[in-house]
Every structure is written in structure tokens, then in C-alpha cells.
Amino acid sequence: MSKIKKAFFCKNCGYESPKWAGKCPACQEWNSFTEEIIHKESGKQKEDWKENTRSGSKSVVLHEVESQEKDRIVSKDEELNRVLGGGIVAGSLVLVAGEPGIGKSTLFLQDALQMQELRILYVSGEESEQQIKMRANRINVAHDEFYLLTETSTQVIFQEIKKIKPQLVVIDSIQTLQSPYIDSSPGTISQIRECTAEFQRFAKETQTPVFLIGHITKDGSIAGPKLLEHMVDTVLQFEGDQHYAYRILRTTKNRFGSTAELGIYEMTGTGMKPVTNPSDILINQKEEQLSGIAIGATMEGLRPLLIEVQALVTPSVYGTPQRTASGFDLRRLQLLLAVLEKRGGFQFGSKDVFVNIAGGLKIEDPAIDLAMVFALLSSYEDIPLSQKICFAGEVGLSGEIRAVNRIDQRISEAAKLGFDSIVISKYNRKGDQHKGIKTIDVALVEEIYRTIFQ
């Protein structure tokens, strides 16, 4: 006899409770419990991809375990390899999330088609075969062993996996799948958790990498409980503004590499084009000099980037001055304005201040502070900065210019792009002697104005 079970799940963290509660005891969220009907068949679940039943596990001593460094699957996409830490690890479970229409399906359909040496199964629960064929024709890449399956039942999917024996599986998307062992509808917390668990067991026991494409909620978090992020090996976030042509692939969790890496793509009519030198596209080449623009040297993981920082300072026509920031932390902007007023004597209290990071990027590197300060002062005085100078430094509350990490890589990137000089902290220790670029050392905010504008 089958056993029917009703349970309540927290929409925020996935906590399971036998009865409804107003406040989740795990994440302390209010009114987040929803009721779901769970139908579990009696007996042990059988994995459809297995030929034989699994033998019992036993514990082993740690020093008896042999270390095996397995080769990664290196894809044709250099940006994806960078974000994953050097390539796709065998048996890894990768979750990819992003806004609707941002290009998740296009990117991984393109990457899968380019892996000519692998047998690949692409499972779609959202689009028909004709729709995927139209996208593949637009990408214009042929693959002889690329199998397409439009199905939502995990039981049918694993039967196809047993028949095809793919070397890579792409699921688009995990919210559309439904397990026969759970009686709730697709997209519910219990279904997402069970389907992810089934693919996790499949990936680990067959050493087949699996990519799960997921949705995000209105607040930008991954749809489903936080437990889903803990079950997978790697979480990739696909970001970007639909009004811009550029997309950013970030790593928020990676068991096999760094979580600070970044991949940049350009959306074109033939798919996603990796951007190998993003500094060129993030700096606008202008014929005339304009005030309020400074170039900052920042780091995204191990990659140095030169970005354009824009500032506009105008007299306030309303009672309360406005402070608006795009791509930059608004609280950090208020901190810099307070330092300039206290330590530099500049009166920003009666000014409207608007700042923007060009290209639609969101920068959290504190080394961009110095470029932001120079952009603010340039707009304040209406004096344009030279297009051949860039900045890298953190500004402290006492007005000191603090040292930043990986200064040699920042200087090398600036020299490679043809900059004549870079302003850095006096306390930064430079390792290599960089030819073709001059370093200007500053220690205090008070020195900034005399260094550049006088």
C-alpha cells in the first residue's frame, strides 16, 4: 500500500514541518509555509540508470584512500572554463540561475553543441524540439552525437540516459521536472529537492557531469529553497541588463575552484560570444575630454579590468540633495562624500550627486574608491581628467589612501592598454618594474587635488 503524507514547507529555506507555523524555526521568516501533498511509494526507490543493485558501503581509513586528480573536460568556451576553475569536473552537479530571457538556454545549448568529442543529452521541459532546432540553426554549429529530449518525468529521462549513456547532461530547467516518487506538482519545493537529489546520485555514481538550469524569484534569488544550493557542487549566476549587449557569468559557490571568477559574454545574433579583453569594451574612446569621468583599475577574481567611472555633481534645486548610484554601492558613495567634505573641504551638502559604472557592471572592489573620488572632483570643478591616467586605491574614513591587492596586475593591465600613468597608494609595494607607465603615489585625500588639478 502506498503512503500519502501531507507536509508544510518553508518557501525560503525548505524547512519541513508536519503542521503549519507562522514563523519558520530555521530561517525566522514569517508566513512562508505552504502545504504540499507527498506520495511516497513503499519499498526502496530504484535508480533507472543502474544495471545492478548497489552493494553496501563501508568506512575506510583516510590515509588508505588513493588521491586521484582527474582531468577536467575542457570546453570550447574559455569563459566557462575560467568560471568553473579550469574546466568541467567529472561527476559534478552545476546549477545555473538567471533572469528570464537573459540567455541561459542559448549559452549552454551553444556550449554543448561545441563539445564535438562528447555524447550529450539536452533535456528541455519548457520548449519543443522545433524551438530548440531553430535556436541551434541560429547558432550554426553541427554535432553528430547531440541528443534532444523534451520530457519532464525523471523516470523517462533516466530510461533515456540508460539507453544513450551520455557523457554530459543539460537539464532546462529543474523547475519543470517531476519525480514519480513525489505526488506534488512540478516547481514545488518537494519536487525540486527530490529531482535535484536524483540527479545528484546519478552524477556521483556514474561520474557524469550534469548542468541544471534554474529560475530566479522577483528578489533575484534562486527559485526553490536554499537547500538546493547546498546540494549542488557549483552555483553559477548569469547576470546582465537586457538593454545591454553584455552578460556576466559569476560563481557564487564552487567546490572545485575559486568563487571570485568572472566570465563576460556579448549577446549577438548567432549566440553568446566570449569577450576575451573586456577592458576594451568597458572604456569608451572619446574624441573630446569630458569632466566627471575617471578610469579605475579593478579586479574580478584573478582578472584585472579597467572600467569607466562616471560622476555628475550639480547644484540641488530641491530641498534635499539627491544621491543616486548605478553599479556602485550607495552607502559607499555617501561615505566618500563625507570624507571629501571633512578631509578635503569640498561642499557636497548642497549638491545633487549621480554616479554610474559604465557597461552595466556592478563593482564591489574597494580599489575603485580612488577613481570615484577623482570623478566626483572632476565634475565638481568641471575640469576633465586626462584620458591617459587611471586610478587604483581604497579611501579610508580618516582620508588616507589605503593599499590594494594585486597592484602589479592592475599596473600591467593599464600599461597594456596604453595608459601613461596610474595613481596608487603610497603604501602599495610594487614588485616588478613596469615599463611605459608612470606610478603616482598619494597618501591622503588632501594630496589628491594638488596632484591632478594643480
Foldseek 3Di string as FASTA:
>chain_A
DKDKAKWKAFQAAGDIDNDDDQADPPPRDGPRIDMWIWIAGPDDDDQLLDPDDDDDDDDDDPVVDDDDDDDAAAWPDPLVCQQQARHHFFLFEEEEEEAPPLAPVLVVLLRVLRSQVWQEEEEAQDDDPVVSVVLCVLLPGHHPRYHYHHDAEPVVVSNVCNVSVTQEYEYHALQRHAYPRTDGHGNDQVRSVVSLVSVSVVRNVSRHYYYHYFYADPVGHTGYHPVSVVSGAWYWYWDDDPVFQKIKIFTPHHPNHDRQGIWMWGQDSNGTHTDPACQVVQDDDDPDFWALKAWAWDDRPPDIHIHIKGKAKAFDPDDFAAQEEQLEDSVVVVLLVVLCCVVVVDDSRRIHMYMYIPPRHRDDGQQCSVRNNRSHVRNVVRPGFDPQEHETFHADNNFFTHADPPVQNSVVSSVVVRRAEYEHAPPYDHDDDDPRHYYHHDTGNNVPCVVTVD
